[in-house]
Amino acid sequence: MLKTIPDESVDAVITDPPYNSGGRTSSERTARTARAKYTSGDARHDLQNFPGENRDQRSYRAWLEALLTQAYRASKEHSVAMVFSDWRQEPTTSDALQMAGWTWAGTIPWIKPASRPRKGGFKQSAEFICWGVKGTLDKDRDLYLPGHFIASQPRKDRVHITQKPVEVMQQLVQVCPEGGTVLDPFTGSGSTGVAALREGRNFLGIELSSHYADVAERRLRAELRQDDFVLAGPAA
């Protein structure tokens, strides 16, 4: 689907790929489902798994680099790419971002107050957003965004295992100019799209799972209350 997007047609790439992480060893990372990796045993929900969670670290980097290369081609000059990661995959993610052509501009921590403790050590309370630029930042924009975010994952009406809080995504999508287009190659349940629409941006989403493509489409239609968007994916 990424290959069908015209050159220099999107203004920002904001995405949360399957991390292929969640374990200390290769077998721990590749032998378990997404639900087993990212959901605690006492979770009170039964959310569906998502695909793409069983790559080792080298194949993950090669795969992510290929996707970010296509996203780079589809992005306009001054576009920003933002890619979520956890602590295990943060170094690999920054490598893939740069290998795809983006100029790495930093790593933004997302602090989650409701997060997993670690006996004998430090709480696992942060994920990270690696971000880069195609060329240089647009210095003509009067835009100043935070360098970190604090918010817990949604609990009420949660529809995805790794769902991101819309209030955080609404701040991130502001890196896209008003009226511009945000691309998310890993749409999941559509939180980035909901945030983009609320902030007056257009949204182009791709989702491999037909289940989550349907979830995202319902959320986007509910946000818009009309049929003037396109969701790219198996359910389109």
Protein backbone atom coordinates (compact mmCIF):
# COMPACT_ATOMS: atom_id res chain seq x y z
CA MET A 1 0.00 0.00 0.00
CA LEU A 2 2.82 2.43 0.77
CA LYS A 3 4.19 2.00 -2.75
CA THR A 4 0.89 3.32 -4.19
CA ILE A 5 1.13 6.66 -2.37
CA PRO A 6 2.39 9.43 -4.71
CA ASP A 7 5.78 11.04 -4.16
CA GLU A 8 5.85 14.05 -1.82
CA SER A 9 2.14 13.91 -1.02
CA VAL A 10 2.05 13.69 2.81
CA ASP A 11 3.14 16.21 5.43
CA ALA A 12 3.94 14.01 8.45
CA VAL A 13 4.40 10.34 9.32
CA ILE A 14 3.24 9.36 12.81
CA THR A 15 3.13 5.67 13.54
CA ASP A 16 3.26 2.94 16.18
CA PRO A 17 4.63 -0.22 14.50
CA PRO A 18 4.60 -3.64 16.16
CA TYR A 19 7.82 -3.43 18.18
CA ASN A 20 8.77 -7.10 17.93
CA SER A 21 10.06 -6.65 21.45
CA GLY A 22 8.66 -7.68 24.82
CA GLY A 23 11.42 -10.09 25.80
CA ARG A 24 15.06 -10.34 26.84
CA THR A 25 15.98 -13.17 24.46
CA SER A 26 15.26 -13.92 20.82
CA SER A 27 12.91 -16.77 21.75
CA GLU A 28 10.98 -14.55 24.19
CA ARG A 29 10.56 -11.92 21.46
CA THR A 30 9.54 -14.30 18.68
CA ALA A 31 7.62 -17.17 20.32
CA ARG A 32 4.82 -15.23 22.05
CA THR A 33 1.80 -13.38 20.77
CA ALA A 34 1.34 -9.64 21.12
CA ARG A 35 -1.21 -10.21 23.87
CA ALA A 36 1.22 -12.41 25.84
CA LYS A 37 3.98 -9.80 25.53
CA TYR A 38 2.12 -6.60 26.24
CA THR A 39 -0.82 -7.53 28.46
CA SER A 40 -0.47 -8.35 32.14
CA GLY A 41 -1.91 -11.60 33.43
CA ASP A 42 -4.61 -9.83 35.46
CA ALA A 43 -5.86 -7.69 32.54
CA ARG A 44 -9.64 -7.33 32.52
CA HIS A 45 -10.03 -7.23 28.76
CA ASP A 46 -9.77 -9.76 25.95
CA LEU A 47 -8.50 -7.69 23.04
CA GLN A 48 -7.57 -9.31 19.76
CA ASN A 49 -3.94 -10.00 18.87
CA PHE A 50 -2.28 -8.15 16.00
CA PRO A 51 0.12 -9.56 13.37
CA GLY A 52 3.79 -8.80 12.72
CA GLU A 53 5.12 -9.45 16.24
CA ASN A 54 7.53 -12.33 15.59
CA ARG A 55 10.63 -10.88 13.92
CA ASP A 56 14.09 -11.03 15.39
CA GLN A 57 15.95 -7.75 15.83
CA ARG A 58 17.88 -7.77 12.54
CA SER A 59 14.86 -8.60 10.40
CA TYR A 60 12.84 -6.01 12.35
CA ARG A 61 15.36 -3.30 11.46
CA ALA A 62 15.46 -4.30 7.78
CA TRP A 63 11.65 -4.44 7.62
CA LEU A 64 11.21 -1.09 9.38
CA GLU A 65 13.87 0.55 7.20
CA ALA A 66 12.04 -0.56 4.04
CA LEU A 67 8.74 0.87 5.30
CA LEU A 68 10.29 4.15 6.47
CA THR A 69 12.06 4.47 3.10
CA GLN A 70 8.70 4.35 1.31
CA ALA A 71 7.28 6.82 3.83
CA TYR A 72 10.25 9.13 3.15
CA ARG A 73 9.60 9.02 -0.60
CA ALA A 74 5.92 9.85 -0.03
CA SER A 75 6.72 12.79 2.27
CA LYS A 76 7.21 16.43 1.35
CA GLU A 77 10.32 18.43 2.19
CA HIS A 78 10.32 19.47 5.89
CA SER A 79 8.03 16.55 6.81
CA VAL A 80 8.53 14.99 10.24
CA ALA A 81 8.45 11.26 10.98
CA MET A 82 7.64 10.03 14.49
CA VAL A 83 7.99 6.32 15.34
CA PHE A 84 7.00 4.82 18.68
CA SER A 85 9.28 2.27 20.33
CA ASP A 86 10.10 0.73 23.69
CA TRP A 87 13.49 0.75 25.41
CA ARG A 88 14.65 -2.49 23.81
CA GLN A 89 14.00 -1.36 20.24
CA GLU A 90 14.81 2.34 20.58
CA PRO A 91 18.42 1.98 19.25
CA THR A 92 17.25 -0.18 16.31
CA THR A 93 14.43 2.22 15.53
CA SER A 94 16.76 5.24 15.37
CA ASP A 95 19.05 3.24 13.06
CA ALA A 96 16.19 2.31 10.72
CA LEU A 97 14.96 5.91 10.67
CA GLN A 98 18.36 7.21 9.56
CA MET A 99 18.99 4.37 7.11
CA ALA A 100 15.68 5.27 5.42
CA GLY A 101 16.92 8.81 4.75
CA TRP A 102 15.43 10.77 7.64
CA THR A 103 17.65 13.12 9.66
CA TRP A 104 17.31 11.92 13.24
CA ALA A 105 16.23 14.84 15.43
CA GLY A 106 15.81 13.24 18.84
CA THR A 107 13.91 10.85 21.10
CA ILE A 108 10.81 11.94 23.02
CA PRO A 109 9.84 10.03 26.18
CA TRP A 110 6.22 9.16 26.80
CA ILE A 111 5.79 8.63 30.56
CA LYS A 112 2.97 6.29 31.61
CA PRO A 113 1.91 6.75 35.27
CA ALA A 114 0.00 3.45 35.17
CA SER A 115 2.77 1.04 34.22
CA ARG A 116 4.52 -2.15 35.26
CA PRO A 117 6.76 -2.24 38.35
CA ARG A 118 9.98 -4.25 38.27
CA LYS A 119 10.95 -6.08 41.45
CA GLY A 120 14.47 -5.10 42.52
CA GLY A 121 14.77 -2.37 39.89
CA PHE A 122 13.17 0.57 38.17
CA LYS A 123 9.59 0.78 36.98
CA GLN A 124 8.99 0.33 33.25
CA SER A 125 7.10 3.59 32.92
CA ALA A 126 8.28 4.98 29.57
CA GLU A 127 7.98 4.39 25.86
CA PHE A 128 9.86 6.47 23.31
CA ILE A 129 9.17 8.37 20.10
CA CYS A 130 12.11 8.52 17.70
CA TRP A 131 11.65 11.44 15.37
CA GLY A 132 13.38 12.71 12.27
CA VAL A 133 12.99 15.23 9.48
CA LYS A 134 13.09 15.10 5.69
CA GLY A 135 15.64 17.80 5.01
CA THR A 136 15.20 20.47 7.68
CA LEU A 137 12.41 21.63 9.96
CA ASP A 138 10.13 24.34 8.59
CA LYS A 139 11.42 27.33 10.55
CA ASP A 140 8.64 29.57 9.20
CA ARG A 141 6.07 27.89 11.46
CA ASP A 142 5.43 29.43 14.87
CA LEU A 143 5.29 26.02 16.53
CA TYR A 144 6.72 24.90 19.88
CA LEU A 145 5.83 21.39 21.06
CA PRO A 146 6.69 19.64 24.37
CA GLY A 147 9.77 17.42 24.67
CA HIS A 148 7.94 14.76 26.70
CA PHE A 149 4.40 13.57 27.37
CA ILE A 150 2.69 12.14 30.46
CA ALA A 151 -0.46 10.03 30.04
CA SER A 152 -1.64 6.51 30.76
CA GLN A 153 -3.03 4.14 28.17
CA PRO A 154 -6.82 4.33 27.79
CA ARG A 155 -8.75 2.13 30.21
CA LYS A 156 -12.34 3.02 29.44
CA ASP A 157 -13.55 1.85 26.01
CA ARG A 158 -10.11 0.44 25.17
CA VAL A 159 -10.15 -1.41 21.83
CA HIS A 160 -6.47 -2.27 21.13
CA ILE A 161 -3.73 -3.96 23.18
CA THR A 162 -1.22 -1.13 22.64
CA GLN A 163 -3.70 1.73 22.15
CA LYS A 164 -2.22 5.21 22.49
CA PRO A 165 -4.01 8.06 24.32
CA VAL A 166 -5.72 10.44 21.89
CA GLU A 167 -4.73 13.45 24.02
CA VAL A 168 -1.04 12.68 23.37
CA MET A 169 -1.63 12.02 19.67
CA GLN A 170 -3.48 15.35 19.33
CA GLN A 171 -0.30 17.13 20.36
CA LEU A 172 1.89 15.05 18.07
CA VAL A 173 -0.22 15.64 14.95
CA GLN A 174 0.34 19.38 15.32
CA VAL A 175 3.77 18.82 13.76
CA CYS A 176 1.77 18.49 10.53
CA PRO A 177 0.66 21.86 9.06
CA GLU A 178 -3.06 22.60 9.33
CA GLY A 179 -4.91 21.09 6.38
CA GLY A 180 -1.95 18.79 5.68
CA THR A 181 -1.98 15.00 5.60
CA VAL A 182 -0.78 12.67 8.35
CA LEU A 183 0.27 9.18 7.21
CA ASP A 184 0.13 6.20 9.60
CA PRO A 185 1.28 2.89 8.04
CA PHE A 186 0.27 1.01 11.23
CA THR A 187 -3.16 2.45 11.96
CA GLY A 188 -4.24 -0.09 14.58
CA SER A 189 -7.46 1.13 16.17
CA GLY A 190 -7.14 4.57 14.55
CA SER A 191 -6.08 6.82 17.46
CA THR A 192 -3.68 8.83 15.26
CA GLY A 193 -6.44 9.34 12.72
CA VAL A 194 -8.94 10.47 15.34
CA ALA A 195 -6.36 12.95 16.65
CA ALA A 196 -5.57 14.22 13.15
CA LEU A 197 -9.22 14.86 12.35
CA ARG A 198 -9.80 16.66 15.65
CA GLU A 199 -6.86 18.95 14.93
CA GLY A 200 -7.94 19.85 11.39
CA ARG A 201 -5.56 17.54 9.54
CA ASN A 202 -6.27 14.95 6.86
CA PHE A 203 -5.44 11.32 7.57
CA LEU A 204 -4.20 8.42 5.47
CA GLY A 205 -4.06 5.11 7.32
CA ILE A 206 -2.97 1.58 6.45
CA GLU A 207 -3.77 -1.45 8.63
CA LEU A 208 -2.88 -5.10 7.93
CA SER A 209 -5.39 -6.63 10.38
CA SER A 210 -8.91 -6.64 8.94
CA HIS A 211 -10.30 -6.68 12.50
CA TYR A 212 -8.48 -3.50 13.51
CA ALA A 213 -9.08 -1.89 10.12
CA ASP A 214 -12.80 -2.24 10.85
CA VAL A 215 -12.34 -0.84 14.36
CA ALA A 216 -10.39 2.14 13.01
CA GLU A 217 -12.93 2.82 10.29
CA ARG A 218 -15.78 2.87 12.82
CA ARG A 219 -13.88 5.28 15.06
CA LEU A 220 -12.99 7.59 12.16
CA ARG A 221 -16.54 7.60 10.80
CA ALA A 222 -17.86 8.38 14.27
CA GLU A 223 -15.40 11.28 14.49
CA LEU A 224 -16.31 12.72 11.12
CA ARG A 225 -19.99 11.76 10.88
CA GLN A 226 -19.54 11.76 7.11
CA ASP A 227 -17.77 9.82 4.36
CA ASP A 228 -15.02 12.20 3.23
CA PHE A 229 -11.98 10.15 4.23
CA VAL A 230 -10.22 7.13 2.78
CA LEU A 231 -8.84 4.31 4.91
CA ALA A 232 -6.30 2.21 3.00
CA GLY A 233 -6.28 -1.42 4.04
CA PRO A 234 -7.98 -4.79 3.59
CA ALA A 235 -11.31 -3.43 4.81
CA ALA A 236 -11.31 -0.45 2.43
